[in-house]
């Protein structure tokens, strides 16, 4: 559901769980039964997904897009890139449910191709575990939002400005994951299913969330050191100044604070 239009023309999100709206989005039924719209970006969840989980994911999405929480997207080009492509996040109870029910939806054959999936167990998991929502939602925003709004800068392919930063971080241009990374590389992701464009998206996530403080705890640093070696703002700024400058450039309006799953609108009635 949505509040009335803001001054920008983008509707202010009202984070309430509703049934899937009638019309083209019914292509996501019956695989999904729960829905929230965030600035034109769709969030779907299965029946087995607790409302608290879809509400949390939607709040993180809203915080990333409206980081000052004034009810207006910080960068309309990003929202336009996402909403014009019907970009979506889908939440499943677990991987088993994804495999069982995903094909029941007709959204792929109806042309919905700009999506990201995540699971209940990794969404705001508690007990000191890392919240994967911070990653998956940001992947959606950067890959389909920034990648299309600024294709020469953030496009997930070789030759873009962010790709040049990636090549520096991996100490080489690797279309496929190398057997081993050169000494001194600080981004060393080794998942062979992650092709070059995927690596670009992963790299933006690591750099931006490190700048925002998501990776700085000692426990988290131990968990990620095999993949990412610049877990703090200070280290990104010192060791990877090119990406720090790019992600800090005010023209692109990346978030300045890390979402906490509490989207507190600062707008008057």
C-alpha atoms as a PDB file:
ATOM      1  CA  UNK A   1       0.000   0.000   0.000  1.00  0.00           C
ATOM      2  CA  UNK A   2       1.073   3.581  -0.593  1.00  0.00           C
ATOM      3  CA  UNK A   3       0.609   7.030   0.850  1.00  0.00           C
ATOM      4  CA  UNK A   4      -0.299   9.902  -1.522  1.00  0.00           C
ATOM      5  CA  UNK A   5       2.244  11.201  -3.977  1.00  0.00           C
ATOM      6  CA  UNK A   6       5.257  13.063  -2.612  1.00  0.00           C
ATOM      7  CA  UNK A   7       6.545  16.281  -4.152  1.00  0.00           C
ATOM      8  CA  UNK A   8       8.800  14.270  -6.472  1.00  0.00           C
ATOM      9  CA  UNK A   9       5.919  12.312  -7.956  1.00  0.00           C
ATOM     10  CA  UNK A  10       7.072   9.042  -6.398  1.00  0.00           C
ATOM     11  CA  UNK A  11       4.515   7.580  -4.032  1.00  0.00           C
ATOM     12  CA  UNK A  12       5.490   7.483  -0.380  1.00  0.00           C
ATOM     13  CA  UNK A  13       5.585   3.843   0.743  1.00  0.00           C
ATOM     14  CA  UNK A  14       3.223   2.655   3.409  1.00  0.00           C
ATOM     15  CA  UNK A  15       4.724  -0.511   4.744  1.00  0.00           C
ATOM     16  CA  UNK A  16       1.741  -2.788   5.166  1.00  0.00           C
ATOM     17  CA  UNK A  17       1.373  -6.357   3.923  1.00  0.00           C
ATOM     18  CA  UNK A  18      -1.386  -6.768   1.354  1.00  0.00           C
ATOM     19  CA  UNK A  19      -2.523  -9.396  -1.160  1.00  0.00           C
ATOM     20  CA  UNK A  20      -0.950  -9.233  -4.617  1.00  0.00           C
ATOM     21  CA  UNK A  21      -2.730  -6.486  -6.593  1.00  0.00           C
ATOM     22  CA  UNK A  22      -4.939  -7.529  -9.459  1.00  0.00           C
ATOM     23  CA  UNK A  23      -3.546  -6.989 -12.937  1.00  0.00           C
ATOM     24  CA  UNK A  24      -0.171  -7.926 -14.357  1.00  0.00           C
ATOM     25  CA  UNK A  25       1.351  -8.688 -10.943  1.00  0.00           C
ATOM     26  CA  UNK A  26      -1.014 -11.637 -10.571  1.00  0.00           C
ATOM     27  CA  UNK A  27       1.608 -13.449 -12.669  1.00  0.00           C
ATOM     28  CA  UNK A  28       3.410 -13.930  -9.331  1.00  0.00           C
ATOM     29  CA  UNK A  29       0.475 -15.922  -7.927  1.00  0.00           C
ATOM     30  CA  UNK A  30       0.012 -18.568  -6.672  1.00  0.00           C
ATOM     31  CA  UNK A  31       3.704 -18.893  -5.776  1.00  0.00           C
ATOM     32  CA  UNK A  32       3.415 -15.711  -3.717  1.00  0.00           C
ATOM     33  CA  UNK A  33       0.537 -14.353  -1.669  1.00  0.00           C
ATOM     34  CA  UNK A  34       1.997 -11.363   0.210  1.00  0.00           C
ATOM     35  CA  UNK A  35       3.010  -8.025  -1.261  1.00  0.00           C
ATOM     36  CA  UNK A  36       4.427  -4.577  -0.439  1.00  0.00           C
ATOM     37  CA  UNK A  37       5.244  -1.774  -2.894  1.00  0.00           C
ATOM     38  CA  UNK A  38       8.232   0.457  -2.103  1.00  0.00           C
ATOM     39  CA  UNK A  39       8.581   3.420  -4.470  1.00  0.00           C
ATOM     40  CA  UNK A  40       7.403   1.223  -7.336  1.00  0.00           C
ATOM     41  CA  UNK A  41       9.695  -1.674  -6.454  1.00  0.00           C
ATOM     42  CA  UNK A  42       7.813  -4.884  -5.671  1.00  0.00           C
ATOM     43  CA  UNK A  43       8.363  -7.089  -2.635  1.00  0.00           C
ATOM     44  CA  UNK A  44       6.690 -10.521  -2.781  1.00  0.00           C
ATOM     45  CA  UNK A  45       6.596 -13.257  -0.162  1.00  0.00           C
ATOM     46  CA  UNK A  46       5.162 -16.728   0.102  1.00  0.00           C
ATOM     47  CA  UNK A  47       2.340 -17.683   2.448  1.00  0.00           C
ATOM     48  CA  UNK A  48       4.848 -19.329   4.809  1.00  0.00           C
ATOM     49  CA  UNK A  49       6.854 -16.111   5.109  1.00  0.00           C
ATOM     50  CA  UNK A  50       6.032 -14.327   8.393  1.00  0.00           C
ATOM     51  CA  UNK A  51       4.732 -10.790   7.934  1.00  0.00           C
ATOM     52  CA  UNK A  52       7.582  -9.530  10.106  1.00  0.00           C
ATOM     53  CA  UNK A  53      10.119 -10.740   7.540  1.00  0.00           C
ATOM     54  CA  UNK A  54       8.543  -9.111   4.486  1.00  0.00           C
ATOM     55  CA  UNK A  55       8.012  -5.915   6.497  1.00  0.00           C
ATOM     56  CA  UNK A  56      11.677  -5.903   7.476  1.00  0.00           C
ATOM     57  CA  UNK A  57      12.864  -6.416   3.899  1.00  0.00           C
ATOM     58  CA  UNK A  58      10.556  -3.657   2.651  1.00  0.00           C
ATOM     59  CA  UNK A  59      11.796  -1.286   5.353  1.00  0.00           C
ATOM     60  CA  UNK A  60      15.442  -1.924   4.420  1.00  0.00           C
ATOM     61  CA  UNK A  61      14.576  -1.297   0.767  1.00  0.00           C
ATOM     62  CA  UNK A  62      12.841   1.966   1.694  1.00  0.00           C
ATOM     63  CA  UNK A  63      15.809   3.050   3.820  1.00  0.00           C
ATOM     64  CA  UNK A  64      18.299   2.392   1.061  1.00  0.00           C
ATOM     65  CA  UNK A  65      16.227   4.368  -1.478  1.00  0.00           C
ATOM     66  CA  UNK A  66      15.166   7.129   0.929  1.00  0.00           C
ATOM     67  CA  UNK A  67      18.105   7.239   3.291  1.00  0.00           C
ATOM     68  CA  UNK A  68      17.090  10.477   4.997  1.00  0.00           C
ATOM     69  CA  UNK A  69      13.572   9.059   5.416  1.00  0.00           C
ATOM     70  CA  UNK A  70      11.764  12.187   4.244  1.00  0.00           C
ATOM     71  CA  UNK A  71       9.327  10.229   2.079  1.00  0.00           C
ATOM     72  CA  UNK A  72      11.131  11.059  -1.177  1.00  0.00           C
ATOM     73  CA  UNK A  73      13.641   8.880  -3.028  1.00  0.00           C
ATOM     74  CA  UNK A  74      17.156  10.269  -2.746  1.00  0.00           C
ATOM     75  CA  UNK A  75      17.870   9.547  -6.413  1.00  0.00           C
ATOM     76  CA  UNK A  76      14.878   9.453  -8.746  1.00  0.00           C
ATOM     77  CA  UNK A  77      16.973   8.028 -11.577  1.00  0.00           C
ATOM     78  CA  UNK A  78      17.493   4.888  -9.528  1.00  0.00           C
ATOM     79  CA  UNK A  79      13.809   4.540  -8.629  1.00  0.00           C
ATOM     80  CA  UNK A  80      12.837   5.120 -12.265  1.00  0.00           C
ATOM     81  CA  UNK A  81      15.312   2.469 -13.450  1.00  0.00           C
ATOM     82  CA  UNK A  82      13.906  -0.041 -10.963  1.00  0.00           C
ATOM     83  CA  UNK A  83      10.198   0.711 -11.290  1.00  0.00           C
ATOM     84  CA  UNK A  84      10.238   0.925 -15.088  1.00  0.00           C
ATOM     85  CA  UNK A  85      11.620  -2.624 -15.141  1.00  0.00           C
ATOM     86  CA  UNK A  86       9.211  -3.897 -12.474  1.00  0.00           C
ATOM     87  CA  UNK A  87      12.187  -4.864 -10.322  1.00  0.00           C
ATOM     88  CA  UNK A  88      11.274  -7.127  -7.429  1.00  0.00           C
ATOM     89  CA  UNK A  89      12.472  -8.905  -4.316  1.00  0.00           C
ATOM     90  CA  UNK A  90      10.980 -12.318  -3.548  1.00  0.00           C
ATOM     91  CA  UNK A  91      11.135 -14.014  -0.156  1.00  0.00           C
ATOM     92  CA  UNK A  92      10.828 -17.763   0.431  1.00  0.00           C
ATOM     93  CA  UNK A  93      10.648 -19.696   3.676  1.00  0.00           C
ATOM     94  CA  UNK A  94      13.767 -21.620   2.636  1.00  0.00           C
ATOM     95  CA  UNK A  95      15.592 -22.966  -0.392  1.00  0.00           C
ATOM     96  CA  UNK A  96      13.412 -26.065  -0.427  1.00  0.00           C
ATOM     97  CA  UNK A  97      10.300 -23.923  -0.786  1.00  0.00           C
ATOM     98  CA  UNK A  98      11.906 -21.977  -3.628  1.00  0.00           C
ATOM     99  CA  UNK A  99      12.539 -25.197  -5.532  1.00  0.00           C
ATOM    100  CA  UNK A 100       9.027 -26.456  -4.856  1.00  0.00           C
ATOM    101  CA  UNK A 101       6.854 -23.411  -5.599  1.00  0.00           C
ATOM    102  CA  UNK A 102       8.872 -21.027  -7.716  1.00  0.00           C
ATOM    103  CA  UNK A 103       7.762 -22.430 -11.054  1.00  0.00           C
ATOM    104  CA  UNK A 104       4.129 -22.043 -10.020  1.00  0.00           C
ATOM    105  CA  UNK A 105       4.442 -18.326 -10.681  1.00  0.00           C
ATOM    106  CA  UNK A 106       4.054 -17.149 -14.272  1.00  0.00           C
ATOM    107  CA  UNK A 107       6.171 -14.047 -13.874  1.00  0.00           C
ATOM    108  CA  UNK A 108       9.157 -15.192 -15.935  1.00  0.00           C
ATOM    109  CA  UNK A 109       7.102 -15.951 -19.011  1.00  0.00           C
ATOM    110  CA  UNK A 110       5.252 -12.668 -18.470  1.00  0.00           C
ATOM    111  CA  UNK A 111       8.510 -10.728 -18.739  1.00  0.00           C
ATOM    112  CA  UNK A 112       9.486 -10.129 -15.112  1.00  0.00           C
ATOM    113  CA  UNK A 113      13.233 -10.730 -15.192  1.00  0.00           C
ATOM    114  CA  UNK A 114      14.697  -8.157 -12.798  1.00  0.00           C
ATOM    115  CA  UNK A 115      14.495  -9.885  -9.446  1.00  0.00           C
ATOM    116  CA  UNK A 116      16.458 -11.044  -6.417  1.00  0.00           C
ATOM    117  CA  UNK A 117      15.553 -13.876  -4.021  1.00  0.00           C
ATOM    118  CA  UNK A 118      16.201 -14.366  -0.333  1.00  0.00           C
ATOM    119  CA  UNK A 119      15.054 -16.653   2.478  1.00  0.00           C
ATOM    120  CA  UNK A 120      13.247 -16.187   5.778  1.00  0.00           C
ATOM    121  CA  UNK A 121      16.061 -17.759   7.777  1.00  0.00           C
ATOM    122  CA  UNK A 122      18.569 -15.128   6.582  1.00  0.00           C
ATOM    123  CA  UNK A 123      16.192 -12.152   6.866  1.00  0.00           C
ATOM    124  CA  UNK A 124      16.829 -10.288  10.126  1.00  0.00           C
ATOM    125  CA  UNK A 125      17.893 -13.592  11.726  1.00  0.00           C
ATOM    126  CA  UNK A 126      18.870 -12.313  15.169  1.00  0.00           C
ATOM    127  CA  UNK A 127      21.243 -14.092  17.579  1.00  0.00           C
ATOM    128  CA  UNK A 128      24.125 -11.995  16.334  1.00  0.00           C
ATOM    129  CA  UNK A 129      23.941 -13.377  12.813  1.00  0.00           C
ATOM    130  CA  UNK A 130      24.364 -11.093   9.824  1.00  0.00           C
ATOM    131  CA  UNK A 131      21.182  -9.834   8.160  1.00  0.00           C
ATOM    132  CA  UNK A 132      21.369 -10.889   4.501  1.00  0.00           C
ATOM    133  CA  UNK A 133      18.663  -8.350   3.669  1.00  0.00           C
ATOM    134  CA  UNK A 134      21.377  -5.700   3.693  1.00  0.00           C
ATOM    135  CA  UNK A 135      23.082  -7.598   0.899  1.00  0.00           C
ATOM    136  CA  UNK A 136      20.257  -8.917  -1.278  1.00  0.00           C
ATOM    137  CA  UNK A 137      18.262  -5.682  -1.310  1.00  0.00           C
ATOM    138  CA  UNK A 138      21.386  -3.694  -2.127  1.00  0.00           C
ATOM    139  CA  UNK A 139      22.208  -6.098  -4.972  1.00  0.00           C
ATOM    140  CA  UNK A 140      18.762  -5.372  -6.427  1.00  0.00           C
ATOM    141  CA  UNK A 141      19.306  -1.612  -6.188  1.00  0.00           C
ATOM    142  CA  UNK A 142      22.810  -1.546  -7.646  1.00  0.00           C
ATOM    143  CA  UNK A 143      22.491  -4.211 -10.345  1.00  0.00           C
ATOM    144  CA  UNK A 144      19.134  -3.164 -11.780  1.00  0.00           C
ATOM    145  CA  UNK A 145      19.003   0.419 -10.520  1.00  0.00           C
ATOM    146  CA  UNK A 146      22.459   1.990 -10.681  1.00  0.00           C
ATOM    147  CA  UNK A 147      23.562  -0.378 -13.432  1.00  0.00           C
ATOM    148  CA  UNK A 148      20.805   0.886 -15.724  1.00  0.00           C
ATOM    149  CA  UNK A 149      20.608   4.510 -14.565  1.00  0.00           C
ATOM    150  CA  UNK A 150      24.372   5.006 -15.015  1.00  0.00           C
ATOM    151  CA  UNK A 151      25.403   2.232 -17.429  1.00  0.00           C
ATOM    152  CA  UNK A 152      28.872   3.602 -18.217  1.00  0.00           C
ATOM    153  CA  UNK A 153      29.664   4.124 -14.550  1.00  0.00           C
ATOM    154  CA  UNK A 154      27.966   1.264 -12.680  1.00  0.00           C
ATOM    155  CA  UNK A 155      27.042  -1.156 -15.445  1.00  0.00           C
ATOM    156  CA  UNK A 156      27.876  -4.740 -14.365  1.00  0.00           C
ATOM    157  CA  UNK A 157      30.200  -5.500 -17.256  1.00  0.00           C
ATOM    158  CA  UNK A 158      33.801  -5.032 -18.335  1.00  0.00           C
ATOM    159  CA  UNK A 159      35.014  -1.518 -19.044  1.00  0.00           C
ATOM    160  CA  UNK A 160      32.701   0.509 -16.824  1.00  0.00           C
ATOM    161  CA  UNK A 161      34.122   2.735 -14.132  1.00  0.00           C
ATOM    162  CA  UNK A 162      33.126   0.388 -11.323  1.00  0.00           C
ATOM    163  CA  UNK A 163      34.535  -2.573 -13.285  1.00  0.00           C
ATOM    164  CA  UNK A 164      37.913  -0.836 -13.477  1.00  0.00           C
ATOM    165  CA  UNK A 165      37.813  -0.501  -9.695  1.00  0.00           C
ATOM    166  CA  UNK A 166      36.936  -4.196  -9.443  1.00  0.00           C
ATOM    167  CA  UNK A 167      39.937  -5.149 -11.565  1.00  0.00           C
ATOM    168  CA  UNK A 168      42.184  -3.195  -9.214  1.00  0.00           C
ATOM    169  CA  UNK A 169      40.630  -4.876  -6.181  1.00  0.00           C
ATOM    170  CA  UNK A 170      41.217  -8.339  -7.668  1.00  0.00           C
ATOM    171  CA  UNK A 171      44.632  -7.405  -9.073  1.00  0.00           C
ATOM    172  CA  UNK A 172      43.648  -8.312 -12.597  1.00  0.00           C
ATOM    173  CA  UNK A 173      40.823  -8.561 -15.115  1.00  0.00           C
ATOM    174  CA  UNK A 174      39.338 -12.007 -14.566  1.00  0.00           C
ATOM    175  CA  UNK A 175      36.339 -12.941 -16.705  1.00  0.00           C
ATOM    176  CA  UNK A 176      36.232 -16.239 -14.809  1.00  0.00           C
ATOM    177  CA  UNK A 177      37.284 -16.923 -11.245  1.00  0.00           C
ATOM    178  CA  UNK A 178      41.052 -17.623 -11.257  1.00  0.00           C
ATOM    179  CA  UNK A 179      42.580 -20.660  -9.572  1.00  0.00           C
ATOM    180  CA  UNK A 180      44.116 -18.215  -7.129  1.00  0.00           C
ATOM    181  CA  UNK A 181      44.137 -14.445  -6.854  1.00  0.00           C
ATOM    182  CA  UNK A 182      47.378 -12.444  -7.071  1.00  0.00           C
ATOM    183  CA  UNK A 183      49.033 -11.443  -3.831  1.00  0.00           C
ATOM    184  CA  UNK A 184      47.671  -8.158  -2.552  1.00  0.00           C
ATOM    185  CA  UNK A 185      44.128  -8.574  -3.883  1.00  0.00           C
ATOM    186  CA  UNK A 186      41.513  -7.467  -1.352  1.00  0.00           C
ATOM    187  CA  UNK A 187      38.444  -8.904  -3.086  1.00  0.00           C
ATOM    188  CA  UNK A 188      38.871 -12.641  -3.599  1.00  0.00           C
ATOM    189  CA  UNK A 189      35.423 -14.122  -4.142  1.00  0.00           C
ATOM    190  CA  UNK A 190      35.817 -17.671  -5.462  1.00  0.00           C
ATOM    191  CA  UNK A 191      32.256 -18.757  -6.330  1.00  0.00           C
ATOM    192  CA  UNK A 192      32.626 -20.027  -9.903  1.00  0.00           C
ATOM    193  CA  UNK A 193      28.904 -19.539 -10.564  1.00  0.00           C
ATOM    194  CA  UNK A 194      29.382 -15.782 -10.142  1.00  0.00           C
ATOM    195  CA  UNK A 195      30.279 -14.441 -13.591  1.00  0.00           C
ATOM    196  CA  UNK A 196      31.949 -11.053 -14.161  1.00  0.00           C
ATOM    197  CA  UNK A 197      28.775  -8.964 -13.865  1.00  0.00           C
ATOM    198  CA  UNK A 198      27.918 -10.771 -10.647  1.00  0.00           C
ATOM    199  CA  UNK A 199      31.407  -9.972  -9.340  1.00  0.00           C
ATOM    200  CA  UNK A 200      30.807  -6.280 -10.033  1.00  0.00           C
ATOM    201  CA  UNK A 201      27.597  -6.393  -8.018  1.00  0.00           C
ATOM    202  CA  UNK A 202      29.234  -8.260  -5.129  1.00  0.00           C
ATOM    203  CA  UNK A 203      32.138  -5.828  -5.087  1.00  0.00           C
ATOM    204  CA  UNK A 204      29.891  -2.739  -4.850  1.00  0.00           C
ATOM    205  CA  UNK A 205      28.093  -4.375  -1.943  1.00  0.00           C
ATOM    206  CA  UNK A 206      31.281  -5.118  -0.022  1.00  0.00           C
ATOM    207  CA  UNK A 207      32.718  -1.650  -0.546  1.00  0.00           C
ATOM    208  CA  UNK A 208      29.527   0.287   0.242  1.00  0.00           C
ATOM    209  CA  UNK A 209      28.495  -1.708   3.294  1.00  0.00           C
ATOM    210  CA  UNK A 210      32.037  -1.495   4.654  1.00  0.00           C
ATOM    211  CA  UNK A 211      31.902   2.277   4.254  1.00  0.00           C
ATOM    212  CA  UNK A 212      28.575   2.254   6.123  1.00  0.00           C
ATOM    213  CA  UNK A 213      29.922   0.111   8.966  1.00  0.00           C
ATOM    214  CA  UNK A 214      28.101  -3.185   8.362  1.00  0.00           C
ATOM    215  CA  UNK A 215      31.267  -5.312   8.260  1.00  0.00           C
ATOM    216  CA  UNK A 216      33.346  -3.797  11.050  1.00  0.00           C
ATOM    217  CA  UNK A 217      32.655  -6.068  14.036  1.00  0.00           C
ATOM    218  CA  UNK A 218      35.500  -8.473  14.877  1.00  0.00           C
ATOM    219  CA  UNK A 219      33.200 -11.477  14.413  1.00  0.00           C
ATOM    220  CA  UNK A 220      32.073 -10.267  11.011  1.00  0.00           C
ATOM    221  CA  UNK A 221      35.630  -9.542   9.916  1.00  0.00           C
ATOM    222  CA  UNK A 222      36.583 -13.124  10.721  1.00  0.00           C
ATOM    223  CA  UNK A 223      33.589 -14.436   8.750  1.00  0.00           C
ATOM    224  CA  UNK A 224      34.412 -12.510   5.569  1.00  0.00           C
ATOM    225  CA  UNK A 225      38.214 -12.300   5.487  1.00  0.00           C
ATOM    226  CA  UNK A 226      38.485 -15.098   2.912  1.00  0.00           C
ATOM    227  CA  UNK A 227      36.502 -12.918   0.508  1.00  0.00           C
ATOM    228  CA  UNK A 228      36.882  -9.268   1.525  1.00  0.00           C
ATOM    229  CA  UNK A 229      39.784  -7.614   3.342  1.00  0.00           C
ATOM    230  CA  UNK A 230      38.665  -3.983   3.696  1.00  0.00           C
ATOM    231  CA  UNK A 231      35.865  -4.276   6.273  1.00  0.00           C
ATOM    232  CA  UNK A 232      35.867  -0.675   7.549  1.00  0.00           C
ATOM    233  CA  UNK A 233      35.347   2.780   6.097  1.00  0.00           C
ATOM    234  CA  UNK A 234      38.925   3.722   6.915  1.00  0.00           C
ATOM    235  CA  UNK A 235      40.363   0.712   5.107  1.00  0.00           C
ATOM    236  CA  UNK A 236      38.256   1.263   1.984  1.00  0.00           C
ATOM    237  CA  UNK A 237      39.276   4.925   1.891  1.00  0.00           C
ATOM    238  CA  UNK A 238      42.975   4.095   2.329  1.00  0.00           C
ATOM    239  CA  UNK A 239      43.357   0.916   0.262  1.00  0.00           C
ATOM    240  CA  UNK A 240      40.678   1.429  -2.416  1.00  0.00           C
ATOM    241  CA  UNK A 241      40.454   5.210  -2.890  1.00  0.00           C
ATOM    242  CA  UNK A 242      38.996   4.904  -6.402  1.00  0.00           C
ATOM    243  CA  UNK A 243      35.865   3.078  -5.284  1.00  0.00           C
ATOM    244  CA  UNK A 244      35.608   5.175  -2.129  1.00  0.00           C
ATOM    245  CA  UNK A 245      35.566   8.333  -4.230  1.00  0.00           C
ATOM    246  CA  UNK A 246      33.031   6.867  -6.642  1.00  0.00           C
ATOM    247  CA  UNK A 247      30.605   5.649  -3.976  1.00  0.00           C
ATOM    248  CA  UNK A 248      30.973   8.873  -1.997  1.00  0.00           C
ATOM    249  CA  UNK A 249      30.302  11.152  -4.972  1.00  0.00           C
ATOM    250  CA  UNK A 250      27.189  13.167  -4.013  1.00  0.00           C
ATOM    251  CA  UNK A 251      25.848  13.106  -7.569  1.00  0.00           C
ATOM    252  CA  UNK A 252      24.989   9.403  -7.237  1.00  0.00           C
ATOM    253  CA  UNK A 253      23.375   9.744  -3.799  1.00  0.00           C
ATOM    254  CA  UNK A 254      24.365   6.428  -2.331  1.00  0.00           C
ATOM    255  CA  UNK A 255      23.154   5.913   1.254  1.00  0.00           C
ATOM    256  CA  UNK A 256      25.088   7.593   4.036  1.00  0.00           C
ATOM    257  CA  UNK A 257      23.750   5.468   6.867  1.00  0.00           C
ATOM    258  CA  UNK A 258      23.132   1.742   7.194  1.00  0.00           C
ATOM    259  CA  UNK A 259      19.479   0.619   7.210  1.00  0.00           C
ATOM    260  CA  UNK A 260      18.229  -0.802  10.501  1.00  0.00           C
ATOM    261  CA  UNK A 261      14.866  -2.102   9.315  1.00  0.00           C
ATOM    262  CA  UNK A 262      12.997   0.820  10.861  1.00  0.00           C
ATOM    263  CA  UNK A 263      11.741   3.212   8.206  1.00  0.00           C
ATOM    264  CA  UNK A 264      10.653   6.258  10.215  1.00  0.00           C
ATOM    265  CA  UNK A 265       9.098   8.810   7.893  1.00  0.00           C
ATOM    266  CA  UNK A 266       9.910  12.420   8.659  1.00  0.00           C
ATOM    267  CA  UNK A 267       6.964  13.905   6.758  1.00  0.00           C
ATOM    268  CA  UNK A 268       3.992  15.888   7.912  1.00  0.00           C
ATOM    269  CA  UNK A 269       0.412  14.722   7.423  1.00  0.00           C
END
